[in-house]
Amino acid sequence: MNAVYRKELRSSLLGMTGPIFIFAVLAILGFFIANYQFSDGNPHFEFPIVEGSFWSLLLAPVLTMRSFSEERKTKTDQLLYALPISTTAVVMGKYLAMVTVFAIPCAVICAYPIIVSFFAPTGINLFLAYGSIFAYFLLGCAVIAIGMLISSLFESQVICAIVNLVVILGCYFITANTGAVSDSATTSLVLLIGISLIIAVFVYFTTGNLIAAGVSGLVLIGAAAAVYFINSELYTGLSAKILSALFIFRPISAFAYETFDITCFVYYLSIAALFVFFTVQSFEKRRWN
């Protein structure tokens, strides 16, 4: 794993991808921090971190799109399969390298609260400030894990970047408009059917087995429909809860309300671990194919 990690990290930092990503993240967050802290005189450092998290993480596809798709395109993935290490070690090496690149701007941002505190008349809450930075870092880790999975599914880097960008935009805008979603049981059923279809598509991409994908989709849709017809009241108000649980930009917003939310950390770590696991399964499937 160390060899893969060093190779990926060196490739990112010595190439254009890493420096451009680091500079862009610092520029976007620096703009929000300067606007909130200096222009508006806002003493709450966590506000610009929460507001800038979405815009800065729109750049995550730049970092993740090449992680596996480039290996597949150049056929160097065959060398990865031949390494005397497990597929988990290969995936973790690549993932930790991308997380390290993302950690560089996050480490630089850690100096900002202390600098800003000298200019804030009432001072700032360093506990919340650093909590929001840590939550932002974990959010980035989750987004990177999602992008890495997408990169393992497609050969074209352009397609990976587009799909990843669509996922990030969908997570943000659906999260922002969760309150506009109907609370009716029918809406919840439609949402569950949509999620079942997405799971079926994912099963197909990770296994390459159309029958397994079809069966998993039919079973999930059948179970959702059966519960609906037996007791539709169970689905009332479920759609908003599902959207709140699925989309990742909502938990960090707790810091904007001056709440130190530890569940936010657990949520992002769980998302990152889950999608790293999915990537391992996808990579393992291609190894045996």
C-alpha atoms as a PDB file:
ATOM      1  CA  MET A   1       0.000   0.000   0.000  1.00  0.00           C
ATOM      2  CA  ASN A   2       2.839   2.403   0.770  1.00  0.00           C
ATOM      3  CA  ALA A   3       4.212   2.081  -2.755  1.00  0.00           C
ATOM      4  CA  VAL A   4       0.812   2.841  -4.305  1.00  0.00           C
ATOM      5  CA  TYR A   5       0.317   5.741  -1.892  1.00  0.00           C
ATOM      6  CA  ARG A   6       3.702   7.300  -2.658  1.00  0.00           C
ATOM      7  CA  LYS A   7       3.262   6.851  -6.398  1.00  0.00           C
ATOM      8  CA  GLU A   8      -0.200   8.453  -6.422  1.00  0.00           C
ATOM      9  CA  LEU A   9       0.816  11.296  -4.130  1.00  0.00           C
ATOM     10  CA  ARG A  10       3.933  12.068  -6.161  1.00  0.00           C
ATOM     11  CA  SER A  11       1.925  11.953  -9.383  1.00  0.00           C
ATOM     12  CA  SER A  12      -0.652  14.394  -8.008  1.00  0.00           C
ATOM     13  CA  LEU A  13       1.764  16.892  -6.466  1.00  0.00           C
ATOM     14  CA  LEU A  14       4.339  16.896  -9.271  1.00  0.00           C
ATOM     15  CA  GLY A  15       1.684  17.105 -11.967  1.00  0.00           C
ATOM     16  CA  MET A  16      -0.924  19.804 -12.517  1.00  0.00           C
ATOM     17  CA  THR A  17      -3.860  18.176 -10.750  1.00  0.00           C
ATOM     18  CA  GLY A  18      -2.738  18.544  -7.138  1.00  0.00           C
ATOM     19  CA  PRO A  19      -1.420  22.136  -7.228  1.00  0.00           C
ATOM     20  CA  ILE A  20      -4.447  23.394  -9.184  1.00  0.00           C
ATOM     21  CA  PHE A  21      -6.840  21.693  -6.773  1.00  0.00           C
ATOM     22  CA  ILE A  22      -5.033  23.042  -3.690  1.00  0.00           C
ATOM     23  CA  PHE A  23      -4.867  26.572  -5.087  1.00  0.00           C
ATOM     24  CA  ALA A  24      -8.528  26.584  -6.149  1.00  0.00           C
ATOM     25  CA  VAL A  25      -9.787  25.291  -2.775  1.00  0.00           C
ATOM     26  CA  LEU A  26      -7.764  27.911  -0.906  1.00  0.00           C
ATOM     27  CA  ALA A  27      -8.941  30.638  -3.267  1.00  0.00           C
ATOM     28  CA  ILE A  28     -12.644  29.751  -2.912  1.00  0.00           C
ATOM     29  CA  LEU A  29     -12.582  29.366   0.864  1.00  0.00           C
ATOM     30  CA  GLY A  30     -10.381  32.460   1.165  1.00  0.00           C
ATOM     31  CA  PHE A  31     -12.988  34.458  -0.741  1.00  0.00           C
ATOM     32  CA  PHE A  32     -15.793  33.346   1.583  1.00  0.00           C
ATOM     33  CA  ILE A  33     -13.701  33.935   4.701  1.00  0.00           C
ATOM     34  CA  ALA A  34     -12.633  37.413   3.563  1.00  0.00           C
ATOM     35  CA  ASN A  35     -16.209  38.290   2.622  1.00  0.00           C
ATOM     36  CA  TYR A  36     -17.756  37.103   5.895  1.00  0.00           C
ATOM     37  CA  GLN A  37     -15.044  37.990   8.366  1.00  0.00           C
ATOM     38  CA  PHE A  38     -13.609  41.224   7.030  1.00  0.00           C
ATOM     39  CA  SER A  39     -16.290  42.753   4.811  1.00  0.00           C
ATOM     40  CA  ASP A  40     -19.308  41.872   6.962  1.00  0.00           C
ATOM     41  CA  GLY A  41     -17.493  41.769  10.304  1.00  0.00           C
ATOM     42  CA  ASN A  42     -19.067  38.407  11.147  1.00  0.00           C
ATOM     43  CA  PRO A  43     -17.396  36.822  14.220  1.00  0.00           C
ATOM     44  CA  HIS A  44     -18.600  33.305  13.321  1.00  0.00           C
ATOM     45  CA  PHE A  45     -15.777  31.612  11.424  1.00  0.00           C
ATOM     46  CA  GLU A  46     -17.860  28.492  10.819  1.00  0.00           C
ATOM     47  CA  PHE A  47     -20.237  30.388   8.468  1.00  0.00           C
ATOM     48  CA  PRO A  48     -17.807  30.770   5.535  1.00  0.00           C
ATOM     49  CA  ILE A  49     -16.606  27.188   5.947  1.00  0.00           C
ATOM     50  CA  VAL A  50     -20.152  25.850   5.686  1.00  0.00           C
ATOM     51  CA  GLU A  51     -21.065  28.187   2.811  1.00  0.00           C
ATOM     52  CA  GLY A  52     -17.846  27.551   0.896  1.00  0.00           C
ATOM     53  CA  SER A  53     -17.843  23.782   1.344  1.00  0.00           C
ATOM     54  CA  PHE A  54     -20.120  23.115  -1.621  1.00  0.00           C
ATOM     55  CA  TRP A  55     -18.352  25.465  -4.035  1.00  0.00           C
ATOM     56  CA  SER A  56     -14.888  24.219  -3.164  1.00  0.00           C
ATOM     57  CA  LEU A  57     -15.870  20.544  -3.341  1.00  0.00           C
ATOM     58  CA  LEU A  58     -17.231  21.052  -6.849  1.00  0.00           C
ATOM     59  CA  LEU A  59     -13.542  20.729  -7.703  1.00  0.00           C
ATOM     60  CA  ALA A  60     -13.300  17.208  -6.260  1.00  0.00           C
ATOM     61  CA  PRO A  61     -13.832  15.557  -9.685  1.00  0.00           C
ATOM     62  CA  VAL A  62     -10.558  17.139 -10.789  1.00  0.00           C
ATOM     63  CA  LEU A  63      -8.818  15.111  -8.104  1.00  0.00           C
ATOM     64  CA  THR A  64     -10.749  11.842  -8.373  1.00  0.00           C
ATOM     65  CA  MET A  65     -11.558  11.414 -12.070  1.00  0.00           C
ATOM     66  CA  ARG A  66      -8.148   9.976 -12.952  1.00  0.00           C
ATOM     67  CA  SER A  67      -7.726   7.634  -9.966  1.00  0.00           C
ATOM     68  CA  PHE A  68      -8.915   4.459 -11.712  1.00  0.00           C
ATOM     69  CA  SER A  69     -10.233   5.545 -15.115  1.00  0.00           C
ATOM     70  CA  GLU A  70      -6.770   6.588 -16.295  1.00  0.00           C
ATOM     71  CA  GLU A  71      -5.386   3.206 -15.231  1.00  0.00           C
ATOM     72  CA  ARG A  72      -8.097   1.458 -17.245  1.00  0.00           C
ATOM     73  CA  LYS A  73      -7.576   3.635 -20.309  1.00  0.00           C
ATOM     74  CA  THR A  74      -3.806   3.131 -20.380  1.00  0.00           C
ATOM     75  CA  LYS A  75      -4.162  -0.558 -19.373  1.00  0.00           C
ATOM     76  CA  THR A  76      -1.817  -0.017 -16.431  1.00  0.00           C
ATOM     77  CA  ASP A  77      -4.515  -1.426 -14.164  1.00  0.00           C
ATOM     78  CA  GLN A  78      -3.136  -4.842 -15.124  1.00  0.00           C
ATOM     79  CA  LEU A  79       0.018  -3.910 -13.221  1.00  0.00           C
ATOM     80  CA  LEU A  80      -2.065  -3.117 -10.154  1.00  0.00           C
ATOM     81  CA  TYR A  81      -3.680  -6.549 -10.316  1.00  0.00           C
ATOM     82  CA  ALA A  82      -0.225  -8.137 -10.493  1.00  0.00           C
ATOM     83  CA  LEU A  83       1.041  -6.406  -7.343  1.00  0.00           C
ATOM     84  CA  PRO A  84       1.660  -8.741  -4.372  1.00  0.00           C
ATOM     85  CA  ILE A  85      -0.879  -6.839  -2.269  1.00  0.00           C
ATOM     86  CA  SER A  86      -4.623  -7.054  -1.846  1.00  0.00           C
ATOM     87  CA  THR A  87      -7.091  -4.976  -3.829  1.00  0.00           C
ATOM     88  CA  THR A  88      -8.039  -3.290  -0.553  1.00  0.00           C
ATOM     89  CA  ALA A  89      -4.455  -2.075  -0.151  1.00  0.00           C
ATOM     90  CA  VAL A  90      -4.421  -0.727  -3.718  1.00  0.00           C
ATOM     91  CA  VAL A  91      -7.682   1.159  -3.227  1.00  0.00           C
ATOM     92  CA  MET A  92      -6.632   2.494   0.179  1.00  0.00           C
ATOM     93  CA  GLY A  93      -3.283   3.645  -1.211  1.00  0.00           C
ATOM     94  CA  LYS A  94      -4.997   5.668  -3.927  1.00  0.00           C
ATOM     95  CA  TYR A  95      -7.655   6.981  -1.564  1.00  0.00           C
ATOM     96  CA  LEU A  96      -5.221   8.091   1.135  1.00  0.00           C
ATOM     97  CA  ALA A  97      -3.099   9.860  -1.479  1.00  0.00           C
ATOM     98  CA  MET A  98      -6.095  11.923  -2.602  1.00  0.00           C
ATOM     99  CA  VAL A  99      -7.082  12.605   1.002  1.00  0.00           C
ATOM    100  CA  THR A 100      -3.537  13.810   1.688  1.00  0.00           C
ATOM    101  CA  VAL A 101      -3.746  16.283  -1.195  1.00  0.00           C
ATOM    102  CA  PHE A 102      -7.064  17.543   0.177  1.00  0.00           C
ATOM    103  CA  ALA A 103      -5.592  17.759   3.680  1.00  0.00           C
ATOM    104  CA  ILE A 104      -2.996  20.308   2.519  1.00  0.00           C
ATOM    105  CA  PRO A 105      -5.467  23.211   2.001  1.00  0.00           C
ATOM    106  CA  CYS A 106      -7.349  22.129   5.129  1.00  0.00           C
ATOM    107  CA  ALA A 107      -4.111  22.397   7.127  1.00  0.00           C
ATOM    108  CA  VAL A 108      -3.483  25.878   5.732  1.00  0.00           C
ATOM    109  CA  ILE A 109      -7.026  26.921   6.663  1.00  0.00           C
ATOM    110  CA  CYS A 110      -6.344  25.890  10.270  1.00  0.00           C
ATOM    111  CA  ALA A 111      -4.205  29.017  10.627  1.00  0.00           C
ATOM    112  CA  TYR A 112      -7.057  31.303   9.553  1.00  0.00           C
ATOM    113  CA  PRO A 113      -9.118  31.295  12.807  1.00  0.00           C
ATOM    114  CA  ILE A 114      -6.119  32.510  14.802  1.00  0.00           C
ATOM    115  CA  ILE A 115      -5.397  35.248  12.254  1.00  0.00           C
ATOM    116  CA  VAL A 116      -9.051  36.298  12.074  1.00  0.00           C
ATOM    117  CA  SER A 117      -9.332  36.401  15.874  1.00  0.00           C
ATOM    118  CA  PHE A 118      -6.948  39.380  15.928  1.00  0.00           C
ATOM    119  CA  PHE A 119      -9.367  41.367  13.753  1.00  0.00           C
ATOM    120  CA  ALA A 120     -12.707  40.258  15.247  1.00  0.00           C
ATOM    121  CA  PRO A 121     -13.847  42.795  17.887  1.00  0.00           C
ATOM    122  CA  THR A 122     -15.571  40.145  20.001  1.00  0.00           C
ATOM    123  CA  GLY A 123     -13.230  37.295  19.105  1.00  0.00           C
ATOM    124  CA  ILE A 124     -14.307  34.002  17.571  1.00  0.00           C
ATOM    125  CA  ASN A 125     -15.261  30.628  19.002  1.00  0.00           C
ATOM    126  CA  LEU A 126     -12.182  28.542  18.200  1.00  0.00           C
ATOM    127  CA  PHE A 127     -13.929  25.337  19.310  1.00  0.00           C
ATOM    128  CA  LEU A 128     -16.661  25.757  16.699  1.00  0.00           C
ATOM    129  CA  ALA A 129     -14.212  27.124  14.130  1.00  0.00           C
ATOM    130  CA  TYR A 130     -11.935  24.095  14.238  1.00  0.00           C
ATOM    131  CA  GLY A 131     -14.921  21.770  14.533  1.00  0.00           C
ATOM    132  CA  SER A 132     -16.295  23.166  11.274  1.00  0.00           C
ATOM    133  CA  ILE A 133     -12.892  22.772   9.579  1.00  0.00           C
ATOM    134  CA  PHE A 134     -12.706  19.139  10.710  1.00  0.00           C
ATOM    135  CA  ALA A 135     -16.273  18.532   9.512  1.00  0.00           C
ATOM    136  CA  TYR A 136     -15.328  20.104   6.169  1.00  0.00           C
ATOM    137  CA  PHE A 137     -12.302  17.812   5.923  1.00  0.00           C
ATOM    138  CA  LEU A 138     -14.452  14.724   6.605  1.00  0.00           C
ATOM    139  CA  LEU A 139     -17.042  15.950   4.094  1.00  0.00           C
ATOM    140  CA  GLY A 140     -14.245  16.184   1.540  1.00  0.00           C
ATOM    141  CA  CYS A 141     -13.142  12.648   2.419  1.00  0.00           C
ATOM    142  CA  ALA A 142     -16.687  11.420   1.773  1.00  0.00           C
ATOM    143  CA  VAL A 143     -16.936  13.267  -1.558  1.00  0.00           C
ATOM    144  CA  ILE A 144     -13.523  11.902  -2.612  1.00  0.00           C
ATOM    145  CA  ALA A 145     -14.660   8.350  -1.773  1.00  0.00           C
ATOM    146  CA  ILE A 146     -17.783   8.813  -3.920  1.00  0.00           C
ATOM    147  CA  GLY A 147     -15.706  10.203  -6.790  1.00  0.00           C
ATOM    148  CA  MET A 148     -13.239   7.328  -6.536  1.00  0.00           C
ATOM    149  CA  LEU A 149     -16.070   4.814  -6.871  1.00  0.00           C
ATOM    150  CA  ILE A 150     -17.361   6.627  -9.960  1.00  0.00           C
ATOM    151  CA  SER A 151     -13.844   6.597 -11.417  1.00  0.00           C
ATOM    152  CA  SER A 152     -13.694   2.825 -10.960  1.00  0.00           C
ATOM    153  CA  LEU A 153     -16.888   2.377 -12.991  1.00  0.00           C
ATOM    154  CA  PHE A 154     -15.951   4.288 -16.153  1.00  0.00           C
ATOM    155  CA  GLU A 155     -12.943   4.345 -18.453  1.00  0.00           C
ATOM    156  CA  SER A 156     -13.342   7.918 -19.670  1.00  0.00           C
ATOM    157  CA  GLN A 157     -12.108  10.638 -17.311  1.00  0.00           C
ATOM    158  CA  VAL A 158     -14.548  13.111 -18.866  1.00  0.00           C
ATOM    159  CA  ILE A 159     -17.519  10.865 -18.122  1.00  0.00           C
ATOM    160  CA  CYS A 160     -16.236  10.331 -14.573  1.00  0.00           C
ATOM    161  CA  ALA A 161     -15.952  14.077 -14.025  1.00  0.00           C
ATOM    162  CA  ILE A 162     -19.430  14.752 -15.435  1.00  0.00           C
ATOM    163  CA  VAL A 163     -21.124  11.997 -13.419  1.00  0.00           C
ATOM    164  CA  ASN A 164     -19.306  13.059 -10.264  1.00  0.00           C
ATOM    165  CA  LEU A 165     -20.285  16.689 -10.810  1.00  0.00           C
ATOM    166  CA  VAL A 166     -23.934  15.702 -11.366  1.00  0.00           C
ATOM    167  CA  VAL A 167     -23.894  13.682  -8.123  1.00  0.00           C
ATOM    168  CA  ILE A 168     -22.440  16.595  -6.129  1.00  0.00           C
ATOM    169  CA  LEU A 169     -24.911  19.078  -7.623  1.00  0.00           C
ATOM    170  CA  GLY A 170     -27.784  16.665  -6.968  1.00  0.00           C
ATOM    171  CA  CYS A 171     -26.718  16.191  -3.355  1.00  0.00           C
ATOM    172  CA  TYR A 172     -26.570  19.925  -2.775  1.00  0.00           C
ATOM    173  CA  PHE A 173     -29.722  21.104  -4.520  1.00  0.00           C
ATOM    174  CA  ILE A 174     -31.959  18.268  -3.353  1.00  0.00           C
ATOM    175  CA  THR A 175     -30.694  18.806   0.185  1.00  0.00           C
ATOM    176  CA  ALA A 176     -31.414  22.526  -0.086  1.00  0.00           C
ATOM    177  CA  ASN A 177     -34.965  21.821  -1.299  1.00  0.00           C
ATOM    178  CA  THR A 178     -35.885  18.907   0.954  1.00  0.00           C
ATOM    179  CA  GLY A 179     -38.648  20.991   2.523  1.00  0.00           C
ATOM    180  CA  ALA A 180     -40.327  21.344  -0.879  1.00  0.00           C
ATOM    181  CA  VAL A 181     -40.744  17.565  -1.244  1.00  0.00           C
ATOM    182  CA  SER A 182     -44.242  16.270  -0.604  1.00  0.00           C
ATOM    183  CA  ASP A 183     -44.827  14.289   2.590  1.00  0.00           C
ATOM    184  CA  SER A 184     -47.338  11.986   0.924  1.00  0.00           C
ATOM    185  CA  ALA A 185     -46.940   8.224   1.027  1.00  0.00           C
ATOM    186  CA  THR A 186     -47.010   8.037  -2.781  1.00  0.00           C
ATOM    187  CA  THR A 187     -44.017  10.383  -3.044  1.00  0.00           C
ATOM    188  CA  SER A 188     -42.094   8.196  -0.613  1.00  0.00           C
ATOM    189  CA  LEU A 189     -42.944   5.095  -2.649  1.00  0.00           C
ATOM    190  CA  VAL A 190     -41.738   6.730  -5.872  1.00  0.00           C
ATOM    191  CA  LEU A 191     -38.513   7.781  -4.142  1.00  0.00           C
ATOM    192  CA  LEU A 192     -37.916   4.249  -2.845  1.00  0.00           C
ATOM    193  CA  ILE A 193     -38.498   2.830  -6.329  1.00  0.00           C
ATOM    194  CA  GLY A 194     -35.960   5.298  -7.715  1.00  0.00           C
ATOM    195  CA  ILE A 195     -33.401   4.294  -5.065  1.00  0.00           C
ATOM    196  CA  SER A 196     -34.076   0.615  -5.855  1.00  0.00           C
ATOM    197  CA  LEU A 197     -33.329   1.242  -9.535  1.00  0.00           C
ATOM    198  CA  ILE A 198     -30.110   3.055  -8.655  1.00  0.00           C
ATOM    199  CA  ILE A 199     -29.044   0.116  -6.489  1.00  0.00           C
ATOM    200  CA  ALA A 200     -29.826  -2.279  -9.341  1.00  0.00           C
ATOM    201  CA  VAL A 201     -27.690  -0.241 -11.744  1.00  0.00           C
ATOM    202  CA  PHE A 202     -24.874  -0.191  -9.197  1.00  0.00           C
ATOM    203  CA  VAL A 203     -25.104  -3.981  -8.766  1.00  0.00           C
ATOM    204  CA  TYR A 204     -24.794  -4.351 -12.546  1.00  0.00           C
ATOM    205  CA  PHE A 205     -21.713  -2.129 -12.733  1.00  0.00           C
ATOM    206  CA  THR A 206     -19.998  -3.865  -9.816  1.00  0.00           C
ATOM    207  CA  THR A 207     -20.838  -7.474 -10.784  1.00  0.00           C
ATOM    208  CA  GLY A 208     -21.393  -7.276 -14.526  1.00  0.00           C
ATOM    209  CA  ASN A 209     -24.336  -9.647 -14.020  1.00  0.00           C
ATOM    210  CA  LEU A 210     -27.580  -8.401 -15.546  1.00  0.00           C
ATOM    211  CA  ILE A 211     -29.645 -11.116 -13.868  1.00  0.00           C
ATOM    212  CA  ALA A 212     -28.330 -10.234 -10.404  1.00  0.00           C
ATOM    213  CA  ALA A 213     -29.028  -6.559 -11.040  1.00  0.00           C
ATOM    214  CA  GLY A 214     -32.547  -7.267 -12.271  1.00  0.00           C
ATOM    215  CA  VAL A 215     -33.385  -9.595  -9.401  1.00  0.00           C
ATOM    216  CA  SER A 216     -32.070  -7.160  -6.771  1.00  0.00           C
ATOM    217  CA  GLY A 217     -34.066  -4.318  -8.316  1.00  0.00           C
ATOM    218  CA  LEU A 218     -37.276  -6.348  -8.524  1.00  0.00           C
ATOM    219  CA  VAL A 219     -36.923  -7.603  -4.945  1.00  0.00           C
ATOM    220  CA  LEU A 220     -36.402  -4.096  -3.568  1.00  0.00           C
ATOM    221  CA  ILE A 221     -39.241  -2.599  -5.616  1.00  0.00           C
ATOM    222  CA  GLY A 222     -41.544  -5.494  -4.694  1.00  0.00           C
ATOM    223  CA  ALA A 223     -40.774  -5.092  -0.989  1.00  0.00           C
ATOM    224  CA  ALA A 224     -41.384  -1.333  -1.125  1.00  0.00           C
ATOM    225  CA  ALA A 225     -44.675  -1.804  -2.986  1.00  0.00           C
ATOM    226  CA  ALA A 226     -45.827  -4.563  -0.606  1.00  0.00           C
ATOM    227  CA  VAL A 227     -45.294  -2.373   2.458  1.00  0.00           C
ATOM    228  CA  TYR A 228     -47.103   0.488   0.727  1.00  0.00           C
ATOM    229  CA  PHE A 229     -50.197  -1.602  -0.015  1.00  0.00           C
ATOM    230  CA  ILE A 230     -50.223  -3.196   3.442  1.00  0.00           C
ATOM    231  CA  ASN A 231     -49.847   0.029   5.416  1.00  0.00           C
ATOM    232  CA  SER A 232     -49.253   3.193   3.385  1.00  0.00           C
ATOM    233  CA  GLU A 233     -49.238   5.318   6.543  1.00  0.00           C
ATOM    234  CA  LEU A 234     -45.705   4.088   7.240  1.00  0.00           C
ATOM    235  CA  TYR A 235     -44.550   6.048   4.187  1.00  0.00           C
ATOM    236  CA  THR A 236     -46.100   9.363   5.200  1.00  0.00           C
ATOM    237  CA  GLY A 237     -43.297  11.877   5.724  1.00  0.00           C
ATOM    238  CA  LEU A 238     -40.665   9.262   4.887  1.00  0.00           C
ATOM    239  CA  SER A 239     -39.417  11.024   1.737  1.00  0.00           C
ATOM    240  CA  ALA A 240     -37.980  14.011   3.616  1.00  0.00           C
ATOM    241  CA  LYS A 241     -36.257  11.703   6.111  1.00  0.00           C
ATOM    242  CA  ILE A 242     -34.712   9.649   3.312  1.00  0.00           C
ATOM    243  CA  LEU A 243     -33.425  12.723   1.501  1.00  0.00           C
ATOM    244  CA  SER A 244     -32.000  14.140   4.713  1.00  0.00           C
ATOM    245  CA  ALA A 245     -30.161  10.875   5.368  1.00  0.00           C
ATOM    246  CA  LEU A 246     -28.874  10.403   1.827  1.00  0.00           C
ATOM    247  CA  PHE A 247     -27.517  13.798   0.865  1.00  0.00           C
ATOM    248  CA  ILE A 248     -24.284  14.820   2.398  1.00  0.00           C
ATOM    249  CA  PHE A 249     -24.255  18.610   2.570  1.00  0.00           C
ATOM    250  CA  ARG A 250     -26.907  18.845   5.274  1.00  0.00           C
ATOM    251  CA  PRO A 251     -25.009  17.608   8.403  1.00  0.00           C
ATOM    252  CA  ILE A 252     -22.235  20.228   8.200  1.00  0.00           C
ATOM    253  CA  SER A 253     -24.840  23.001   8.216  1.00  0.00           C
ATOM    254  CA  ALA A 254     -25.329  22.364  11.966  1.00  0.00           C
ATOM    255  CA  PHE A 255     -22.125  24.336  12.581  1.00  0.00           C
ATOM    256  CA  ALA A 256     -23.712  27.384  10.933  1.00  0.00           C
ATOM    257  CA  TYR A 257     -26.233  27.329  13.784  1.00  0.00           C
ATOM    258  CA  GLU A 258     -23.435  27.283  16.369  1.00  0.00           C
ATOM    259  CA  THR A 259     -23.947  23.600  17.147  1.00  0.00           C
ATOM    260  CA  PHE A 260     -20.978  21.271  17.560  1.00  0.00           C
ATOM    261  CA  ASP A 261     -22.473  18.145  15.982  1.00  0.00           C
ATOM    262  CA  ILE A 262     -20.421  14.989  16.623  1.00  0.00           C
ATOM    263  CA  THR A 263     -22.918  12.891  14.635  1.00  0.00           C
ATOM    264  CA  CYS A 264     -21.776  14.868  11.601  1.00  0.00           C
ATOM    265  CA  PHE A 265     -18.294  13.357  11.975  1.00  0.00           C
ATOM    266  CA  VAL A 266     -19.674   9.825  12.333  1.00  0.00           C
ATOM    267  CA  TYR A 267     -21.910  10.306   9.295  1.00  0.00           C
ATOM    268  CA  TYR A 268     -19.098  11.452   7.002  1.00  0.00           C
ATOM    269  CA  LEU A 269     -16.735   8.735   8.205  1.00  0.00           C
ATOM    270  CA  SER A 270     -19.456   6.152   7.528  1.00  0.00           C
ATOM    271  CA  ILE A 271     -20.073   7.493   4.018  1.00  0.00           C
ATOM    272  CA  ALA A 272     -16.337   7.466   3.250  1.00  0.00           C
ATOM    273  CA  ALA A 273     -15.901   3.905   4.566  1.00  0.00           C
ATOM    274  CA  LEU A 274     -18.963   2.663   2.679  1.00  0.00           C
ATOM    275  CA  PHE A 275     -17.878   4.035  -0.700  1.00  0.00           C
ATOM    276  CA  VAL A 276     -14.280   2.893  -0.241  1.00  0.00           C
ATOM    277  CA  PHE A 277     -15.717  -0.585   0.377  1.00  0.00           C
ATOM    278  CA  PHE A 278     -17.823  -0.305  -2.799  1.00  0.00           C
ATOM    279  CA  THR A 279     -14.730   0.723  -4.747  1.00  0.00           C
ATOM    280  CA  VAL A 280     -12.842  -2.311  -3.462  1.00  0.00           C
ATOM    281  CA  GLN A 281     -15.676  -4.549  -4.673  1.00  0.00           C
ATOM    282  CA  SER A 282     -15.747  -2.848  -8.069  1.00  0.00           C
ATOM    283  CA  PHE A 283     -11.977  -3.148  -8.447  1.00  0.00           C
ATOM    284  CA  GLU A 284     -12.044  -6.783  -7.320  1.00  0.00           C
ATOM    285  CA  LYS A 285     -14.744  -7.593  -9.872  1.00  0.00           C
ATOM    286  CA  ARG A 286     -12.606  -6.248 -12.718  1.00  0.00           C
ATOM    287  CA  ARG A 287      -9.629  -8.201 -11.415  1.00  0.00           C
ATOM    288  CA  TRP A 288     -11.408 -11.506 -11.831  1.00  0.00           C
ATOM    289  CA  ASN A 289     -13.005 -10.521 -15.137  1.00  0.00           C
END
